[in-house]
Protein backbone atom coordinates (compact mmCIF):
# COMPACT_ATOMS: atom_id res chain seq x y z
CA MET A 1 9.01 42.19 -44.77
CA LEU A 2 9.97 38.87 -43.26
CA ALA A 3 10.61 40.59 -39.92
CA VAL A 4 7.26 42.38 -40.16
CA SER A 5 5.41 39.12 -40.84
CA PHE A 6 6.98 37.34 -37.86
CA GLY A 7 6.55 40.44 -35.70
CA VAL A 8 2.83 40.45 -36.38
CA ALA A 9 2.73 36.72 -35.60
CA PHE A 10 4.54 37.34 -32.32
CA VAL A 11 2.09 40.08 -31.30
CA LEU A 12 -0.83 37.81 -32.16
CA ARG A 13 0.72 35.01 -30.13
CA ARG A 14 1.12 37.25 -27.08
CA ALA A 15 -2.50 38.34 -27.37
CA LEU A 16 -3.84 34.78 -27.56
CA LEU A 17 -1.43 33.16 -25.08
CA ARG A 18 -3.49 33.76 -21.94
CA SER A 19 -6.89 32.88 -23.38
CA VAL A 20 -5.75 29.86 -25.39
CA VAL A 21 -2.91 28.36 -23.34
CA LEU A 22 -2.71 29.69 -19.78
CA SER A 23 -6.46 29.38 -19.14
CA ALA A 24 -6.38 25.63 -19.89
CA ARG A 25 -5.57 22.85 -17.44
CA PRO A 26 -1.84 22.14 -17.05
CA ARG A 27 -2.05 18.79 -18.85
CA GLN A 28 -3.65 20.55 -21.86
CA GLN A 29 -1.31 23.53 -21.97
CA PRO A 30 1.64 21.94 -23.87
CA LEU A 31 -0.60 20.79 -26.73
CA ARG A 32 -2.35 24.15 -26.91
CA GLN A 33 1.03 25.87 -26.87
CA PHE A 34 2.07 23.81 -29.88
CA MET A 35 -1.13 24.57 -31.79
CA LEU A 36 -0.93 28.32 -31.09
CA ASP A 37 2.73 28.65 -32.09
CA PHE A 38 2.30 26.49 -35.18
CA PHE A 39 -0.69 28.54 -36.32
CA CYS A 40 1.07 31.89 -35.78
CA LEU A 41 4.27 30.84 -37.55
CA VAL A 42 2.45 29.33 -40.53
CA LEU A 43 0.38 32.49 -40.73
CA ALA A 44 3.58 34.56 -40.80
CA GLY A 45 4.98 32.42 -43.66
CA LEU A 46 1.75 32.64 -45.60
CA GLY A 47 1.69 36.41 -45.17
CA PHE A 48 5.25 36.71 -46.43
CA GLY A 49 4.42 34.56 -49.46
CA LEU A 50 1.35 36.61 -50.30
CA TYR A 51 3.37 39.80 -49.92
CA GLY A 52 5.88 38.50 -52.44
CA GLN A 53 3.13 37.69 -54.93
CA VAL A 54 0.98 40.80 -54.50
CA VAL A 55 3.58 43.50 -53.89
CA LEU A 56 6.74 42.19 -55.50
CA GLY A 57 5.03 40.27 -58.29
CA PHE A 58 6.74 36.91 -57.60
CA PRO A 59 4.45 34.10 -58.74
CA PHE A 60 3.36 31.95 -55.81
CA SER A 61 4.23 28.79 -57.68
CA ALA A 62 7.78 30.00 -58.17
CA SER A 63 8.74 31.25 -54.71
CA GLY A 64 5.72 31.43 -52.48
CA SER A 65 5.38 27.66 -52.25
CA LYS A 66 8.96 27.37 -51.02
CA VAL A 67 8.40 30.12 -48.50
CA LEU A 68 5.17 28.51 -47.26
CA LEU A 69 6.69 25.02 -46.96
CA GLY A 70 9.72 26.48 -45.23
CA ALA A 71 7.46 28.36 -42.84
CA VAL A 72 5.51 25.16 -42.10
CA SER A 73 8.75 23.28 -41.40
CA LEU A 74 10.08 26.07 -39.19
CA ALA A 75 6.72 26.36 -37.43
CA PHE A 76 6.65 22.60 -36.79
CA PHE A 77 10.09 22.48 -35.16
CA ALA A 78 9.73 25.78 -33.30
CA ALA A 79 6.27 24.88 -31.99
CA LEU A 80 7.55 21.50 -30.79
CA ASP A 81 10.44 23.18 -29.01
CA LEU A 82 8.12 25.70 -27.32
CA ARG A 83 5.73 22.91 -26.37
CA LEU A 84 8.56 21.06 -24.64
CA GLU A 85 9.60 24.28 -22.91
CA ARG A 86 6.04 24.75 -21.61
CA GLU A 87 5.99 21.15 -20.36
CA ARG A 88 9.37 21.63 -18.67
CA ARG A 89 8.20 24.78 -16.90
CA LEU A 90 5.04 23.08 -15.65
CA LEU A 91 7.00 20.09 -14.35
CA LYS A 92 9.19 22.40 -12.27
CA GLU A 93 6.20 24.32 -10.92
CA LEU A 94 4.06 21.28 -10.10
CA ALA A 95 6.90 19.47 -8.37
CA HIS A 96 6.31 21.59 -5.25
CA ASP A 97 2.56 22.11 -4.93
CA GLY A 98 1.34 18.49 -4.85
CA SER A 99 -0.81 18.71 -7.97
CA PHE A 100 -1.41 15.87 -10.40
CA ARG A 101 -0.67 12.88 -8.21
CA GLU A 102 -3.28 10.69 -9.92
CA LEU A 103 -2.96 8.70 -13.10
CA PRO A 104 -3.74 10.65 -16.30
CA ARG A 105 -7.18 9.83 -17.68
CA SER A 106 -5.97 9.41 -21.25
CA PHE A 107 -2.83 7.73 -22.53
CA SER A 108 -0.62 8.87 -25.41
CA PRO A 109 2.34 6.48 -25.89
CA LEU A 110 5.71 8.13 -26.18
CA THR A 111 6.74 5.72 -28.93
CA GLN A 112 3.84 6.79 -31.14
CA ARG A 113 4.72 10.45 -30.64
CA PHE A 114 8.34 9.72 -31.57
CA ALA A 115 7.21 7.94 -34.72
CA LEU A 116 4.80 10.74 -35.66
CA VAL A 117 7.40 13.49 -35.19
CA ALA A 118 10.00 11.51 -37.15
CA LEU A 119 7.56 10.87 -39.99
CA LEU A 120 6.46 14.50 -40.24
CA ALA A 121 10.06 15.72 -40.12
CA LEU A 122 11.00 13.30 -42.89
CA LEU A 123 8.08 14.38 -45.03
CA LEU A 124 8.86 18.08 -44.58
CA PHE A 125 12.55 17.54 -45.30
CA THR A 126 11.78 15.46 -48.39
CA GLY A 127 9.21 17.97 -49.63
CA ILE A 128 11.52 20.95 -49.32
CA LEU A 129 14.43 19.02 -50.81
CA LEU A 130 12.39 17.92 -53.81
CA LEU A 131 11.03 21.44 -54.25
CA VAL A 132 14.52 22.94 -54.19
CA MET A 133 15.90 20.34 -56.59
CA THR A 134 12.94 20.79 -58.97
CA LYS A 135 13.37 24.57 -59.08
CA ASP A 136 17.12 24.28 -59.56
CA ILE A 137 16.70 21.76 -62.38
CA GLN A 138 14.14 24.01 -64.08
CA TRP A 139 16.55 26.92 -63.73
CA ILE A 140 19.38 24.91 -65.34
CA VAL A 141 17.17 23.75 -68.21
CA GLN A 142 15.76 27.22 -68.88
CA SER A 143 19.21 28.87 -68.64
CA SER A 144 21.15 27.01 -71.30
CA GLY A 145 23.97 29.52 -71.22
CA VAL A 146 24.78 29.04 -67.56
CA ASP A 147 28.12 27.54 -66.71
CA ARG A 148 27.51 23.96 -65.57
CA SER A 149 30.09 24.08 -62.80
CA HIS A 150 28.39 27.18 -61.46
CA ALA A 151 24.99 25.46 -61.71
CA VAL A 152 26.23 22.38 -59.83
CA ARG A 153 27.69 24.54 -57.07
CA SER A 154 24.39 26.41 -56.83
CA VAL A 155 22.38 23.17 -56.52
CA VAL A 156 24.80 21.71 -53.96
CA LEU A 157 24.70 24.95 -51.99
CA ASP A 158 20.91 24.98 -51.92
CA ILE A 159 20.72 21.36 -50.84
CA SER A 160 23.43 21.85 -48.22
CA LEU A 161 21.65 24.89 -46.85
CA VAL A 162 18.36 22.98 -46.53
CA MET A 163 20.07 20.01 -44.91
CA GLY A 164 22.05 22.25 -42.57
CA VAL A 165 18.95 24.09 -41.40
CA PHE A 166 17.09 20.82 -40.83
CA VAL A 167 20.02 19.33 -38.92
CA LEU A 168 20.18 22.38 -36.66
CA LEU A 169 16.45 22.22 -36.03
CA LEU A 170 16.63 18.49 -35.26
CA VAL A 171 19.61 18.90 -32.93
CA ASN A 172 17.85 21.69 -31.08
CA LEU A 173 14.71 19.54 -30.77
CA ILE A 174 16.74 16.58 -29.51
CA PHE A 175 18.44 18.69 -26.84
CA SER A 176 15.11 20.21 -25.81
CA PHE A 177 13.50 16.79 -25.47
CA SER A 178 16.50 15.41 -23.58
CA ARG A 179 16.14 18.20 -21.02
CA ASN A 180 12.54 17.15 -20.46
CA LEU A 181 13.55 13.51 -20.14
CA ARG A 182 16.25 14.40 -17.65
CA LEU A 183 13.75 16.38 -15.58
CA LEU A 184 11.24 13.51 -15.64
CA PHE A 185 13.92 11.02 -14.59
CA GLU A 186 15.20 13.33 -11.86
CA ASN A 187 11.71 13.79 -10.42
CA GLN A 188 11.19 10.04 -10.37
CA THR A 189 14.58 9.01 -8.98
CA ARG A 190 14.70 11.82 -6.40
CA THR A 191 11.31 10.81 -5.07
CA LEU A 192 12.18 7.11 -4.92
CA GLU A 193 15.45 7.92 -3.15
CA ARG A 194 13.61 9.90 -0.47
CA VAL A 195 11.05 7.11 -0.11
CA SER A 196 13.86 4.57 0.36
CA GLN A 197 15.12 6.76 3.22
CA GLY A 198 11.72 6.69 4.92
CA ASP A 199 10.31 10.02 3.72
CA LEU A 200 6.74 9.34 2.57
CA ASP A 201 5.66 12.97 2.31
CA VAL A 202 6.79 13.20 -1.32
CA TRP A 203 5.23 12.63 -4.73
CA VAL A 204 6.01 12.74 -8.44
CA PRO A 205 4.04 15.18 -10.64
CA ALA A 206 2.11 12.96 -13.06
CA MET A 207 1.48 15.70 -15.59
CA THR A 208 2.33 14.06 -18.89
CA ARG A 209 -0.04 11.61 -20.56
CA ASP A 210 2.70 9.21 -21.67
CA GLU A 211 4.56 6.37 -19.95
CA PHE A 212 6.26 8.82 -17.58
CA GLY A 213 2.89 10.13 -16.43
CA TYR A 214 1.66 6.63 -15.72
CA ILE A 215 4.89 5.67 -13.93
CA ALA A 216 4.59 8.81 -11.81
CA GLY A 217 0.92 8.07 -11.03
CA ARG A 218 1.71 4.49 -10.04
CA THR A 219 4.60 5.70 -7.91
CA ASN A 220 2.28 8.07 -6.07
CA GLN A 221 -0.19 5.23 -5.51
CA MET A 222 2.64 3.14 -4.11
CA ILE A 223 3.68 5.95 -1.76
CA ASP A 224 0.09 6.39 -0.56
CA ALA A 225 -0.17 2.65 0.06
CA LEU A 226 3.15 2.67 1.93
CA ARG A 227 1.93 5.60 4.02
CA ASP A 228 -1.25 3.71 4.91
CA ARG A 229 0.81 0.60 5.62
CA MET A 230 3.11 2.51 7.95
CA ARG A 231 0.12 3.92 9.84
CA LEU A 232 -1.26 0.40 10.10
CA VAL A 233 2.06 -0.99 11.30
CA GLN A 234 2.37 1.73 13.92
CA GLY A 235 -1.18 1.03 15.04
CA MET A 236 -0.43 -2.69 15.18
CA GLN A 237 2.65 -2.01 17.28
CA VAL A 238 0.55 -0.06 19.74
CA ALA A 239 -2.08 -2.82 19.75
CA SER A 240 0.64 -5.41 20.32
CA GLU A 241 2.00 -3.44 23.27
CA ILE A 242 -1.49 -3.11 24.73
CA GLN A 243 -2.22 -6.81 24.30
CA SER A 244 1.13 -7.70 25.83
CA SER A 245 0.20 -5.61 28.86
CA LEU A 246 -3.02 -7.63 29.20
CA GLN A 247 -1.10 -10.85 29.73
CA PRO A 248 -0.24 -11.67 33.35
CA HIS A 249 3.30 -10.65 34.25
CA SER A 250 3.19 -12.39 37.61
CA SER A 251 1.39 -15.43 38.96
CA PRO A 252 0.21 -16.57 42.41
CA ALA A 253 2.79 -18.71 44.23
CA LEU A 254 -0.02 -21.07 45.30
CA CYS A 255 1.71 -22.59 48.29
CA GLY A 256 4.73 -23.83 46.41
CA CYS A 257 3.08 -24.69 43.09
CA GLN A 258 5.18 -24.11 40.01
CA LEU A 259 3.51 -22.11 37.25
CA ALA A 260 4.95 -21.13 33.87
CA ALA A 261 3.42 -19.89 30.63
CA GLU A 262 4.43 -18.82 27.14
CA SER A 263 2.31 -17.20 24.41
CA ARG A 264 3.41 -16.35 20.87
CA PHE A 265 1.31 -14.75 18.17
CA SER A 266 1.52 -15.39 14.43
CA ASP A 267 0.83 -11.67 13.80
CA GLU A 268 1.56 -8.56 15.85
CA THR A 269 -1.65 -9.32 17.74
CA GLY A 270 -3.46 -12.59 18.30
CA GLY A 271 -6.46 -14.34 19.75
CA ASP A 272 -4.84 -16.62 22.32
CA TYR A 273 -5.56 -15.78 25.94
CA TYR A 274 -4.36 -17.04 29.29
CA ASP A 275 -4.89 -15.64 32.75
CA PHE A 276 -4.52 -16.44 36.46
CA LEU A 277 -7.18 -15.06 38.79
CA PRO A 278 -6.75 -15.44 42.57
CA LEU A 279 -10.21 -14.79 44.05
CA PRO A 280 -10.62 -13.03 47.42
CA ASP A 281 -13.14 -15.44 49.00
CA GLU A 282 -13.11 -17.77 51.96
CA ASP A 283 -12.09 -20.77 49.85
CA ARG A 284 -9.12 -18.87 48.44
CA ARG A 285 -9.74 -20.23 44.95
CA VAL A 286 -7.55 -19.57 41.91
CA LEU A 287 -8.88 -19.60 38.35
CA PHE A 288 -6.75 -20.62 35.39
CA ALA A 289 -8.10 -19.53 32.00
CA LEU A 290 -6.85 -20.50 28.57
CA GLY A 291 -8.72 -19.39 25.45
CA ASP A 292 -8.37 -19.39 21.68
CA VAL A 293 -10.36 -17.03 19.43
CA SER A 294 -11.19 -18.21 15.92
CA GLY A 295 -8.70 -16.72 13.46
CA HIS A 296 -5.95 -14.36 14.48
CA GLY A 297 -4.95 -10.74 14.08
CA VAL A 298 -6.72 -7.58 15.22
CA GLY A 299 -10.27 -8.99 15.18
CA ALA A 300 -9.25 -11.96 17.31
CA ALA A 301 -7.35 -9.68 19.69
CA LEU A 302 -10.41 -7.47 20.22
CA LEU A 303 -12.62 -10.45 21.06
CA MET A 304 -9.92 -11.84 23.32
CA ALA A 305 -9.72 -8.54 25.22
CA SER A 306 -13.51 -8.46 25.60
CA VAL A 307 -13.64 -12.00 27.02
CA ARG A 308 -10.78 -11.21 29.38
CA SER A 309 -12.58 -8.15 30.76
CA LEU A 310 -15.91 -9.91 31.12
CA LEU A 311 -14.37 -12.99 32.74
CA ARG A 312 -12.39 -10.95 35.25
CA MET A 313 -15.45 -8.87 36.13
CA ARG A 314 -17.69 -11.93 36.48
CA ALA A 315 -15.17 -14.04 38.42
CA PHE A 316 -15.22 -11.78 41.46
CA ALA A 317 -18.98 -12.27 41.79
CA GLY A 318 -18.45 -15.94 42.73
CA GLY A 319 -19.82 -19.14 41.28
CA THR A 320 -18.61 -22.34 39.69
CA PRO A 321 -16.57 -22.42 36.45
CA GLY A 322 -19.71 -23.51 34.60
CA GLU A 323 -21.72 -20.57 35.92
CA LEU A 324 -18.96 -18.15 34.99
CA CYS A 325 -18.85 -19.46 31.39
CA THR A 326 -22.64 -19.33 31.12
CA ASP A 327 -22.78 -15.66 32.07
CA VAL A 328 -19.76 -14.65 29.96
CA ASN A 329 -21.19 -16.49 26.94
CA ALA A 330 -24.52 -14.65 27.29
CA MET A 331 -22.73 -11.31 27.09
CA ILE A 332 -20.32 -12.30 24.30
CA ALA A 333 -22.99 -13.90 22.13
CA ARG A 334 -24.86 -10.60 21.89
CA ASP A 335 -21.99 -9.25 19.78
CA THR A 336 -20.66 -12.36 18.02
CA PHE A 337 -23.80 -14.40 17.30
CA GLY A 338 -24.10 -14.94 13.56
CA SER A 339 -20.71 -13.36 12.78
CA GLY A 340 -18.75 -16.61 12.68
CA ARG A 341 -16.53 -15.40 15.52
CA PHE A 342 -16.23 -17.52 18.65
CA MET A 343 -13.77 -18.42 21.37
CA THR A 344 -12.88 -21.74 22.91
CA LEU A 345 -12.08 -21.55 26.63
CA PHE A 346 -10.72 -23.92 29.23
CA LEU A 347 -11.47 -22.59 32.69
CA MET A 348 -9.99 -24.44 35.66
CA GLU A 349 -10.53 -23.74 39.34
CA TYR A 350 -7.96 -24.82 41.91
CA MET A 351 -8.30 -24.76 45.72
CA PRO A 352 -4.75 -24.92 47.08
CA GLU A 353 -5.79 -25.84 50.62
CA THR A 354 -7.83 -28.90 49.63
CA LYS A 355 -5.98 -29.57 46.32
CA VAL A 356 -9.26 -29.90 44.45
CA LEU A 357 -9.45 -29.17 40.73
CA SER A 358 -12.69 -28.46 38.86
CA TRP A 359 -12.97 -27.32 35.27
CA VAL A 360 -15.18 -26.53 32.32
CA SER A 361 -14.26 -26.76 28.66
CA ALA A 362 -16.09 -24.44 26.27
CA GLY A 363 -15.16 -26.21 23.06
CA HIS A 364 -11.46 -26.27 23.98
CA ASP A 365 -9.13 -29.23 23.69
CA PRO A 366 -8.67 -31.20 26.92
CA ALA A 367 -5.87 -30.33 29.29
CA PHE A 368 -3.07 -32.86 29.79
CA TYR A 369 -2.87 -34.35 33.30
CA ILE A 370 0.18 -36.39 34.34
CA PRO A 371 0.03 -37.74 37.92
CA ALA A 372 3.29 -37.63 39.85
CA GLY A 373 5.46 -40.65 39.07
CA SER A 374 3.10 -41.90 36.35
CA ARG A 375 4.00 -42.75 32.76
CA THR A 376 0.49 -42.14 31.46
CA ILE A 377 -1.40 -39.01 30.39
CA GLU A 378 -4.99 -38.37 31.35
CA TYR A 379 -7.25 -35.77 29.77
CA LEU A 380 -9.35 -33.11 31.46
CA GLY A 381 -12.03 -32.31 28.92
CA GLY A 382 -15.69 -31.42 28.42
CA HIS A 383 -18.43 -31.24 25.82
CA ASN A 384 -19.68 -27.63 25.88
CA LEU A 385 -19.91 -25.33 22.86
CA PRO A 386 -17.40 -22.48 22.33
CA LEU A 387 -18.32 -19.06 23.70
CA GLY A 388 -20.39 -16.91 21.34
CA VAL A 389 -21.94 -19.75 19.35
CA GLN A 390 -25.27 -20.06 21.18
CA ARG A 391 -26.95 -17.17 22.97
CA ASP A 392 -28.65 -19.17 25.72
CA GLY A 393 -25.96 -21.82 26.08
CA LYS A 394 -25.66 -23.48 29.50
CA TYR A 395 -22.22 -24.57 30.64
CA GLU A 396 -21.76 -27.32 33.19
CA THR A 397 -18.64 -27.91 35.23
CA ALA A 398 -17.20 -31.05 33.66
CA ASP A 399 -15.69 -32.75 36.69
CA SER A 400 -13.52 -32.29 39.74
CA ARG A 401 -10.71 -34.28 41.30
CA THR A 402 -8.24 -34.13 44.11
CA VAL A 403 -4.65 -33.78 42.97
CA GLN A 404 -1.39 -34.62 44.71
CA GLU A 405 1.92 -32.90 45.13
CA GLY A 406 4.00 -33.24 41.97
CA ASP A 407 1.05 -33.74 39.62
CA LEU A 408 1.43 -31.93 36.30
CA ILE A 409 -1.33 -30.08 34.42
CA VAL A 410 -0.60 -28.69 30.95
CA LEU A 411 -2.98 -26.36 29.07
CA ALA A 412 -2.33 -25.53 25.42
CA THR A 413 -3.96 -24.07 22.33
CA ASP A 414 -4.09 -25.92 19.01
CA GLY A 415 -1.37 -23.68 17.58
CA VAL A 416 1.14 -25.84 19.48
CA TRP A 417 0.39 -29.23 17.90
CA GLU A 418 -0.74 -27.76 14.57
CA ALA A 419 2.59 -26.01 14.00
CA ARG A 420 4.02 -27.05 10.63
CA SER A 421 7.49 -27.79 9.36
CA SER A 422 8.77 -26.51 6.03
CA GLU A 423 7.60 -29.83 4.49
CA GLY A 424 4.03 -29.17 5.69
CA THR A 425 4.07 -31.81 8.44
CA MET A 426 2.24 -30.98 11.68
CA PHE A 427 3.95 -31.20 15.04
CA GLY A 428 1.02 -33.27 16.29
CA LYS A 429 -0.40 -34.17 19.70
CA LYS A 430 1.49 -37.46 19.87
CA ARG A 431 4.81 -35.66 19.55
CA LEU A 432 3.72 -33.17 22.23
CA GLU A 433 2.61 -35.94 24.59
CA THR A 434 5.92 -37.77 24.18
CA LEU A 435 7.77 -34.52 24.84
CA LEU A 436 5.73 -33.88 28.00
CA MET A 437 6.31 -37.40 29.29
CA ASN A 438 10.06 -37.17 28.71
CA ASN A 439 10.24 -33.86 30.57
CA ALA A 440 7.58 -34.47 33.24
CA HIS A 441 10.20 -34.65 36.00
CA LYS A 442 11.47 -31.12 35.28
CA LYS A 443 10.33 -27.78 36.68
CA ALA A 444 7.39 -26.01 35.07
CA ASN A 445 9.49 -23.33 33.36
CA GLU A 446 11.90 -25.98 32.07
CA ILE A 447 9.02 -27.93 30.53
CA VAL A 448 7.78 -24.81 28.76
CA GLN A 449 11.27 -24.09 27.49
CA ALA A 450 11.67 -27.68 26.24
CA VAL A 451 8.41 -27.47 24.28
CA ILE A 452 9.32 -24.10 22.76
CA GLU A 453 12.76 -25.33 21.72
CA ALA A 454 11.27 -28.46 20.16
CA LEU A 455 8.76 -26.36 18.23
CA ASN A 456 11.47 -23.97 16.98
CA THR A 457 13.60 -26.91 15.82
CA PHE A 458 10.62 -28.57 14.13
CA THR A 459 9.29 -25.51 12.29
CA GLY A 460 12.67 -23.97 11.46
CA SER A 461 12.21 -20.83 9.41
CA PHE A 462 8.66 -21.74 8.38
CA PRO A 463 6.35 -18.92 9.58
CA ARG A 464 3.79 -19.60 12.29
CA GLU A 465 0.28 -19.97 10.89
CA ASP A 466 -1.53 -19.72 14.22
CA ASP A 467 -1.04 -18.35 17.71
CA MET A 468 0.35 -20.77 20.26
CA THR A 469 0.06 -20.69 24.06
CA LEU A 470 1.26 -23.12 26.70
CA VAL A 471 0.55 -23.08 30.46
CA VAL A 472 2.20 -25.59 32.81
CA LEU A 473 1.16 -26.07 36.47
CA ARG A 474 2.92 -28.42 38.86
CA ILE A 475 1.06 -28.98 42.11
CA GLY A 476 3.01 -28.09 45.25
CA PRO A 477 2.65 -29.14 48.88
CA SER A 478 -0.40 -28.14 50.91
CA CYS A 479 -0.56 -24.64 52.33
CA SER A 480 -0.19 -25.83 55.92
CA GLU A 481 3.09 -27.52 54.97
CA HIS A 482 4.52 -24.69 52.94
CA SER A 483 3.36 -21.15 53.47
CA PRO A 484 0.57 -19.15 55.09
CA GLU A 485 0.56 -16.79 52.08
CA PRO A 486 -0.89 -18.75 49.16
CA TYR A 487 -1.39 -15.64 47.01
CA ARG A 488 2.08 -14.14 47.02
CA THR A 489 2.93 -13.43 43.36
CA GLU A 490 6.05 -14.17 41.36
CA GLU A 491 7.17 -13.47 37.82
CA THR A 492 5.94 -15.88 35.15
CA ALA A 493 8.35 -17.67 32.87
């Protein structure tokens, strides 16, 4: 009859499995599996107990209660084992189809489940043990003629049988749960190992609602963030290559003038800009441009590229440096006005045949001018607003002067003198001026190298906070004394 009862329960379970368990969402299936199996097994035990009372005439209080409590205990352990098996199967299936990457909506701590299972197991074990001992004691009291040694052996045997069955059920449950834990750990460690090797097309199935589910969900979020970061890094590398190609790789020889420049960004891209523009007109002018966009990074690089394009396009139409800045500002301000973005610009025009310099400063720091053989520094500055601040801004050429062979002009952005040491101290303009004076007798590329080395020594390993650019021009002899080809180009330093 016991086999018949459990057979009927098995048939009922098969009939309800699809509608109750398999039709539910994967995260709900293990719990529904437990409820279905527990119900069917308890039903089988109850049926067996009723059969004993109705057909065989055993009073329910005498034997049926033990059968029912035993069936509940067996159902509890068996249903837990089958629930874990369902969870294990789902973990293997979902590990390959990309489902359940997100965090579970509800949280059920593993520690609470451990405590609940342990408490229920203890209660069931204690209940059955007390029931067995009570029945055995009643049997001994009611059977006064029974041999006491035989009675003791009977009680010990009953208790040992109950304890043995419970131990086997617990061991089986422990092994079943350990298999699930091993699978959860393997999924997590295997995914992290592949991520550490650069494979970001992986994930961990976050199916459980416990700590493992949350760890898996957070791991998937981390992988998604890393994937986005890698795309951003690759995009920044491309942007850096493009911006590097926008910098001049050669400069006009300018009848023996020495010209050197160096630009370094604090990020992959930056907002510093320098350019040399030989103009094809009768005066054979050359424009030197040095700019600094507010901030740094991609936004600054985009504005820098826009100003470069507009300035190059406008320069070939002719005009003074002030007129060029006025027109470029009108076009830039349409996009930047009110955004807080702007660009300082120092634009200098040089006529190599007459050695005349003229310049305009759009909010930029003055250039350093050291006459040949002098121990003093003069400043080539202006009082105009940065580009993009005022829509109808008018820019006037600040001044002009005739320079001599050997004179030194140095253009720089504020990232040079605002560079900080690890103690937070700025490099400062005074230190830069002293450095320029001490190296004023050297070639242009040597002066640039001396400044860069001094900055590297001063900052050490402290990261750059701003872009830095340096342009050095040493005036050469007149064209008639040196070369009939003032616009032959050479590589920049």
